[in-house]
């Protein structure tokens, strides 16, 4: 797939009215991609992607991710076809399970999240390819549906997933996978193996599969933002993957001894920051990028700090050092 793309996330907790200026800045700085986020209940990713694409010229716009259970797949395909025809070759859609509590909160819970995701991605890909789709699945139910305006070239559809079953499904049905923050190089390799097993299951070994990874960016020698972000993930996020089991006991002991984010952040060993973020001096950040690239990342997306001005400063300082010349 060529060189590893480097992009930036527009955080879901950033006001939507600041997106146009941010998108223009990210493109001007030379980044390859800008990713918008759909977390409940912040902003809609399709409208955000439309805004970001409309104020820029060439940068690719990622959607990470659309919770599959929230949308009828035919409507999702209509929206994505519209975007792809308006901005050809620039849209990188992603679907995922969504956070279980949020899905339940809006009445979209389904007993089989895997079926929801697999059927949604399969149907959306078929519709974007111009096919007429009839399906009576556990979730997706379409009767002779065909898009009036399919794109000339369908965009690659990725899934934003974490666990072993979902990663294998991604290899079976999707064109790419998005791995969330705190993805270590070991986790990327573990995920790639499962994705490739899914590709083999579906006879898709020859199809490309794009691996996108999010990473906390802290272009600062004190690495305080990265420490806080990693600590928050350890305290409130999903468990580490089996690829990082060598740290499980140590992390459990650290969390037990430091139950507050601030305290845990200060107690994290330096090698945790190296492993789970892109943080520190220019050389440290470059080494983390290279490690993710060596672990087969096709696209690395920086998650900047929450403070908007600090985010702008960080991505501006990082660009001349970390982007390929």
Protein backbone atom coordinates (compact mmCIF):
# COMPACT_ATOMS: atom_id res chain seq x y z
CA UNK A 1 0.00 0.00 0.00
CA UNK A 2 2.98 2.33 -0.13
CA UNK A 3 4.15 4.67 2.60
CA UNK A 4 2.38 4.89 5.92
CA UNK A 5 -0.12 7.75 5.94
CA UNK A 6 0.00 10.17 8.87
CA UNK A 7 -3.17 11.92 9.97
CA UNK A 8 -4.81 13.84 12.78
CA UNK A 9 -8.08 13.36 14.65
CA UNK A 10 -10.60 16.10 15.26
CA UNK A 11 -11.66 15.17 18.76
CA UNK A 12 -15.33 14.55 19.45
CA UNK A 13 -15.18 16.92 22.44
CA UNK A 14 -14.15 19.84 20.19
CA UNK A 15 -16.91 22.29 19.18
CA UNK A 16 -18.15 21.65 15.63
CA UNK A 17 -17.84 25.30 14.61
CA UNK A 18 -14.05 25.02 14.98
CA UNK A 19 -13.80 22.13 12.52
CA UNK A 20 -13.46 24.14 9.26
CA UNK A 21 -10.41 26.10 10.42
CA UNK A 22 -8.88 22.97 11.94
CA UNK A 23 -9.36 20.95 8.74
CA UNK A 24 -7.72 23.66 6.65
CA UNK A 25 -4.79 23.80 9.08
CA UNK A 26 -4.28 20.03 9.03
CA UNK A 27 -4.17 20.04 5.25
CA UNK A 28 -1.87 23.08 5.12
CA UNK A 29 0.56 21.38 7.51
CA UNK A 30 0.87 18.46 5.10
CA UNK A 31 -0.95 15.66 6.90
CA UNK A 32 -2.42 12.91 4.72
CA UNK A 33 -5.69 12.39 6.59
CA UNK A 34 -8.14 14.04 8.97
CA UNK A 35 -10.41 11.77 11.00
CA UNK A 36 -13.71 12.82 12.53
CA UNK A 37 -15.32 10.89 15.36
CA UNK A 38 -18.87 9.90 16.20
CA UNK A 39 -19.20 9.36 19.94
CA UNK A 40 -22.57 9.74 21.63
CA UNK A 41 -23.77 12.34 22.03
CA UNK A 42 -21.39 14.83 20.50
CA UNK A 43 -21.71 15.42 16.75
CA UNK A 44 -22.65 13.40 13.68
CA UNK A 45 -19.69 12.08 11.72
CA UNK A 46 -21.28 12.18 8.25
CA UNK A 47 -22.06 15.89 8.50
CA UNK A 48 -18.64 16.53 10.06
CA UNK A 49 -16.92 14.66 7.22
CA UNK A 50 -18.90 16.69 4.69
CA UNK A 51 -17.80 19.96 6.28
CA UNK A 52 -14.16 18.87 6.52
CA UNK A 53 -14.05 17.70 2.90
CA UNK A 54 -15.79 20.80 1.59
CA UNK A 55 -13.24 23.24 3.09
CA UNK A 56 -10.16 21.27 1.95
CA UNK A 57 -8.81 20.17 -1.42
CA UNK A 58 -6.96 16.87 -1.30
CA UNK A 59 -6.69 15.53 2.25
CA UNK A 60 -8.54 12.27 2.89
CA UNK A 61 -11.34 12.35 5.46
CA UNK A 62 -11.82 9.38 7.75
CA UNK A 63 -15.02 8.55 9.60
CA UNK A 64 -14.18 6.64 12.75
CA UNK A 65 -16.61 5.22 13.45
CA UNK A 66 -20.32 4.99 12.65
CA UNK A 67 -22.05 2.70 15.20
CA UNK A 68 -23.65 0.10 12.93
CA UNK A 69 -26.70 -0.44 15.12
CA UNK A 70 -27.66 3.24 14.82
CA UNK A 71 -28.25 3.15 11.06
CA UNK A 72 -30.20 1.36 8.43
CA UNK A 73 -27.48 0.10 6.06
CA UNK A 74 -29.33 1.40 2.99
CA UNK A 75 -29.39 4.92 4.42
CA UNK A 76 -25.75 4.64 5.43
CA UNK A 77 -24.86 3.61 1.86
CA UNK A 78 -26.83 6.55 0.47
CA UNK A 79 -24.91 8.99 2.68
CA UNK A 80 -21.52 7.49 1.88
CA UNK A 81 -22.24 7.31 -1.85
CA UNK A 82 -23.16 10.98 -1.78
CA UNK A 83 -19.89 11.83 -0.03
CA UNK A 84 -17.78 9.70 -2.36
CA UNK A 85 -19.33 11.22 -5.49
CA UNK A 86 -18.87 14.74 -4.14
CA UNK A 87 -15.29 14.10 -2.96
CA UNK A 88 -13.98 11.19 -5.06
CA UNK A 89 -11.22 9.12 -3.50
CA UNK A 90 -11.13 11.19 -0.32
CA UNK A 91 -13.56 9.39 2.01
CA UNK A 92 -12.52 6.61 4.41
CA UNK A 93 -15.66 5.32 6.16
CA UNK A 94 -15.61 3.18 9.25
CA UNK A 95 -18.28 1.21 11.11
CA UNK A 96 -18.15 -0.30 14.57
CA UNK A 97 -20.16 -1.83 17.36
CA UNK A 98 -20.58 1.41 19.30
CA UNK A 99 -20.33 1.57 23.08
CA UNK A 100 -22.87 -0.89 24.57
CA UNK A 101 -24.28 1.61 27.09
CA UNK A 102 -24.87 4.21 24.37
CA UNK A 103 -26.46 1.69 22.04
CA UNK A 104 -28.87 0.65 24.80
CA UNK A 105 -29.54 4.29 25.70
CA UNK A 106 -31.02 4.99 22.27
CA UNK A 107 -32.90 1.72 22.01
CA UNK A 108 -30.64 0.22 19.36
CA UNK A 109 -29.30 -2.74 21.32
CA UNK A 110 -29.18 -6.03 19.42
CA UNK A 111 -28.46 -9.47 20.91
CA UNK A 112 -25.76 -10.09 18.28
CA UNK A 113 -23.46 -7.09 17.75
CA UNK A 114 -21.27 -9.20 15.47
CA UNK A 115 -24.22 -9.89 13.17
CA UNK A 116 -25.15 -6.20 13.12
CA UNK A 117 -21.65 -5.15 12.13
CA UNK A 118 -21.04 -7.95 9.63
CA UNK A 119 -24.37 -7.54 7.88
CA UNK A 120 -24.11 -3.74 7.80
CA UNK A 121 -20.64 -3.73 6.26
CA UNK A 122 -21.55 -6.46 3.76
CA UNK A 123 -24.69 -4.65 2.61
CA UNK A 124 -23.07 -1.21 2.45
CA UNK A 125 -20.16 -2.55 0.40
CA UNK A 126 -22.52 -4.28 -2.03
CA UNK A 127 -24.70 -1.18 -2.47
CA UNK A 128 -21.69 1.07 -3.01
CA UNK A 129 -20.50 -1.39 -5.66
CA UNK A 130 -23.77 -0.78 -7.54
CA UNK A 131 -25.36 -4.13 -6.73
CA UNK A 132 -29.05 -4.79 -6.17
CA UNK A 133 -29.33 -6.17 -2.66
CA UNK A 134 -31.94 -8.49 -1.21
CA UNK A 135 -31.15 -9.84 2.23
CA UNK A 136 -33.11 -11.16 5.20
CA UNK A 137 -30.52 -11.23 7.96
CA UNK A 138 -30.65 -11.04 11.73
CA UNK A 139 -30.37 -7.26 11.42
CA UNK A 140 -30.22 -6.13 7.79
CA UNK A 141 -33.45 -6.66 5.83
CA UNK A 142 -33.55 -5.24 2.30
CA UNK A 143 -35.77 -6.14 -0.62
CA UNK A 144 -34.38 -5.32 -4.06
CA UNK A 145 -32.50 -2.17 -2.97
CA UNK A 146 -30.17 -0.48 -5.47
CA UNK A 147 -28.58 2.96 -5.24
CA UNK A 148 -29.56 5.41 -7.98
CA UNK A 149 -26.16 7.11 -7.75
CA UNK A 150 -23.47 4.64 -6.69
CA UNK A 151 -19.91 6.01 -6.76
CA UNK A 152 -17.62 5.29 -9.69
CA UNK A 153 -15.14 3.69 -7.27
CA UNK A 154 -16.47 2.49 -3.90
CA UNK A 155 -14.55 3.77 -0.88
CA UNK A 156 -12.80 1.21 1.32
CA UNK A 157 -14.96 0.33 4.33
CA UNK A 158 -13.16 -0.26 7.62
CA UNK A 159 -14.37 -1.58 10.94
CA UNK A 160 -13.35 -0.09 14.27
CA UNK A 161 -13.04 -3.18 16.46
CA UNK A 162 -10.89 -4.60 19.28
CA UNK A 163 -11.56 -8.24 20.17
CA UNK A 164 -10.49 -11.45 18.47
CA UNK A 165 -13.88 -12.39 16.98
CA UNK A 166 -14.48 -8.89 15.66
CA UNK A 167 -11.00 -8.63 14.16
CA UNK A 168 -11.49 -11.93 12.34
CA UNK A 169 -14.87 -10.67 11.10
CA UNK A 170 -13.19 -7.51 9.84
CA UNK A 171 -10.89 -9.59 7.70
CA UNK A 172 -13.87 -11.47 6.30
CA UNK A 173 -16.13 -8.55 5.37
CA UNK A 174 -14.23 -5.24 5.43
CA UNK A 175 -11.49 -3.47 3.50
CA UNK A 176 -9.70 -2.20 6.58
CA UNK A 177 -9.58 -2.11 10.35
CA UNK A 178 -9.29 0.82 12.75
CA UNK A 179 -7.53 0.18 16.07
CA UNK A 180 -8.27 2.55 18.92
CA UNK A 181 -5.81 4.41 21.14
CA UNK A 182 -3.27 2.55 23.29
CA UNK A 183 -2.65 0.05 20.50
CA UNK A 184 0.90 -1.20 20.99
CA UNK A 185 3.04 -2.60 18.17
CA UNK A 186 2.50 -6.07 19.67
CA UNK A 187 -1.26 -5.52 19.52
CA UNK A 188 -1.04 -4.47 15.86
CA UNK A 189 0.74 -7.70 14.98
CA UNK A 190 -1.76 -9.77 16.96
CA UNK A 191 -4.66 -7.96 15.27
CA UNK A 192 -3.13 -8.35 11.81
CA UNK A 193 -2.81 -12.11 12.30
CA UNK A 194 -6.51 -12.39 13.21
CA UNK A 195 -7.54 -10.14 10.32
CA UNK A 196 -5.50 -12.25 7.92
CA UNK A 197 -7.15 -15.40 9.28
CA UNK A 198 -10.52 -13.83 8.52
CA UNK A 199 -9.39 -12.92 5.01
CA UNK A 200 -8.36 -16.53 4.48
CA UNK A 201 -11.75 -17.73 5.76
CA UNK A 202 -13.48 -15.61 3.14
CA UNK A 203 -11.04 -16.30 0.32
CA UNK A 204 -9.89 -12.67 0.34
CA UNK A 205 -6.15 -13.24 0.76
CA UNK A 206 -5.38 -11.16 -2.32
CA UNK A 207 -7.58 -8.22 -1.27
CA UNK A 208 -5.72 -5.34 0.42
CA UNK A 209 -6.68 -4.61 4.01
CA UNK A 210 -5.86 -1.18 5.42
CA UNK A 211 -4.78 -1.06 9.08
CA UNK A 212 -5.38 2.33 10.72
CA UNK A 213 -4.22 2.99 14.27
CA UNK A 214 -5.03 5.89 16.59
CA UNK A 215 -2.27 7.12 18.91
CA UNK A 216 -2.08 9.78 21.59
CA UNK A 217 0.26 12.53 20.37
CA UNK A 218 2.28 14.37 23.01
CA UNK A 219 5.03 16.27 21.22
CA UNK A 220 6.51 17.46 24.49
CA UNK A 221 9.42 16.17 26.55
CA UNK A 222 7.42 16.00 29.81
CA UNK A 223 4.81 13.66 28.20
CA UNK A 224 2.20 14.65 30.80
CA UNK A 225 -0.77 14.51 28.40
CA UNK A 226 0.19 11.02 27.23
CA UNK A 227 0.57 9.82 30.81
CA UNK A 228 -2.85 11.17 31.76
CA UNK A 229 -4.47 9.68 28.66
CA UNK A 230 -2.93 6.24 29.20
CA UNK A 231 -3.85 6.29 32.89
CA UNK A 232 -7.45 7.14 32.01
CA UNK A 233 -7.53 4.26 29.55
CA UNK A 234 -6.18 1.81 32.13
CA UNK A 235 -8.72 2.93 34.73
CA UNK A 236 -11.82 3.18 32.58
CA UNK A 237 -11.28 1.46 29.26
CA UNK A 238 -11.52 -2.11 28.02
CA UNK A 239 -8.87 -4.61 29.13
CA UNK A 240 -5.59 -4.95 27.29
CA UNK A 241 -5.34 -7.43 24.45
CA UNK A 242 -3.62 -10.81 24.90
CA UNK A 243 -0.69 -9.29 22.98
CA UNK A 244 0.02 -7.09 26.02
CA UNK A 245 -0.56 -9.76 28.66
CA UNK A 246 3.03 -9.41 29.84
CA UNK A 247 1.96 -6.16 31.53
CA UNK A 248 -1.38 -7.30 32.93
CA UNK A 249 -0.26 -8.09 36.49
CA UNK A 250 1.91 -5.00 36.73
CA UNK A 251 -0.89 -2.74 35.49
CA UNK A 252 -3.38 -4.32 37.89
CA UNK A 253 -1.01 -3.62 40.78
CA UNK A 254 -0.46 -0.03 39.65
CA UNK A 255 -4.19 0.60 39.31
CA UNK A 256 -4.87 -0.87 42.75
CA UNK A 257 -2.21 1.32 44.31
CA UNK A 258 -3.17 4.47 42.37
CA UNK A 259 -6.96 4.58 41.76
CA UNK A 260 -6.95 8.24 40.68
CA UNK A 261 -5.91 9.27 37.17
CA UNK A 262 -3.45 11.91 38.35
CA UNK A 263 -1.69 9.52 40.72
CA UNK A 264 -1.59 6.66 38.23
CA UNK A 265 -0.23 8.96 35.51
CA UNK A 266 2.68 9.93 37.72
CA UNK A 267 3.40 6.31 38.60
CA UNK A 268 3.53 4.92 35.05
CA UNK A 269 6.97 3.69 34.00
CA UNK A 270 8.46 5.42 30.97
CA UNK A 271 8.30 2.28 28.86
CA UNK A 272 4.49 2.36 29.09
CA UNK A 273 4.46 5.74 27.39
CA UNK A 274 6.84 4.47 24.71
CA UNK A 275 4.59 1.47 24.11
CA UNK A 276 1.14 3.06 24.17
CA UNK A 277 1.60 6.60 22.80
CA UNK A 278 3.55 8.78 20.40
CA UNK A 279 5.09 11.04 22.98
CA UNK A 280 8.18 12.88 24.10
CA UNK A 281 11.09 14.39 22.21
CA UNK A 282 11.14 14.40 18.41
CA UNK A 283 13.38 11.32 18.46
CA UNK A 284 11.07 9.48 20.86
CA UNK A 285 8.00 10.29 18.77
CA UNK A 286 9.77 9.24 15.58
CA UNK A 287 10.79 5.94 17.18
CA UNK A 288 7.18 5.23 18.23
CA UNK A 289 5.96 5.99 14.72
CA UNK A 290 8.55 3.67 13.24
CA UNK A 291 7.58 0.89 15.63
CA UNK A 292 3.93 1.15 14.54
CA UNK A 293 4.96 1.24 10.89
CA UNK A 294 7.12 -1.86 11.37
CA UNK A 295 4.09 -3.53 12.97
CA UNK A 296 2.25 -3.08 9.62
CA UNK A 297 0.26 0.10 10.27
CA UNK A 298 -0.89 1.62 6.97
CA UNK A 299 -2.18 4.80 8.60
CA UNK A 300 -1.31 6.39 11.95
CA UNK A 301 -3.71 9.01 13.32
CA UNK A 302 -2.58 11.41 16.04
CA UNK A 303 -5.00 12.12 18.90
CA UNK A 304 -3.93 15.55 20.16
CA UNK A 305 -4.55 16.96 23.66
CA UNK A 306 -8.06 17.99 24.69
CA UNK A 307 -7.23 21.70 24.96
CA UNK A 308 -7.92 23.17 21.49
CA UNK A 309 -5.01 25.62 21.48
CA UNK A 310 -2.58 23.01 22.76
CA UNK A 311 -3.84 20.61 20.10
CA UNK A 312 -3.10 23.15 17.37
CA UNK A 313 0.35 23.80 18.83
CA UNK A 314 1.17 20.09 19.05
CA UNK A 315 0.15 19.13 15.52
CA UNK A 316 1.92 22.24 14.16
CA UNK A 317 5.18 21.45 15.94
CA UNK A 318 5.01 17.75 15.05
CA UNK A 319 4.42 18.22 11.31
CA UNK A 320 7.90 19.30 10.11
CA UNK A 321 9.59 16.63 12.24
CA UNK A 322 7.32 13.62 11.95
CA UNK A 323 5.86 13.91 8.45
CA UNK A 324 7.89 12.38 5.62
CA UNK A 325 9.85 14.93 3.65
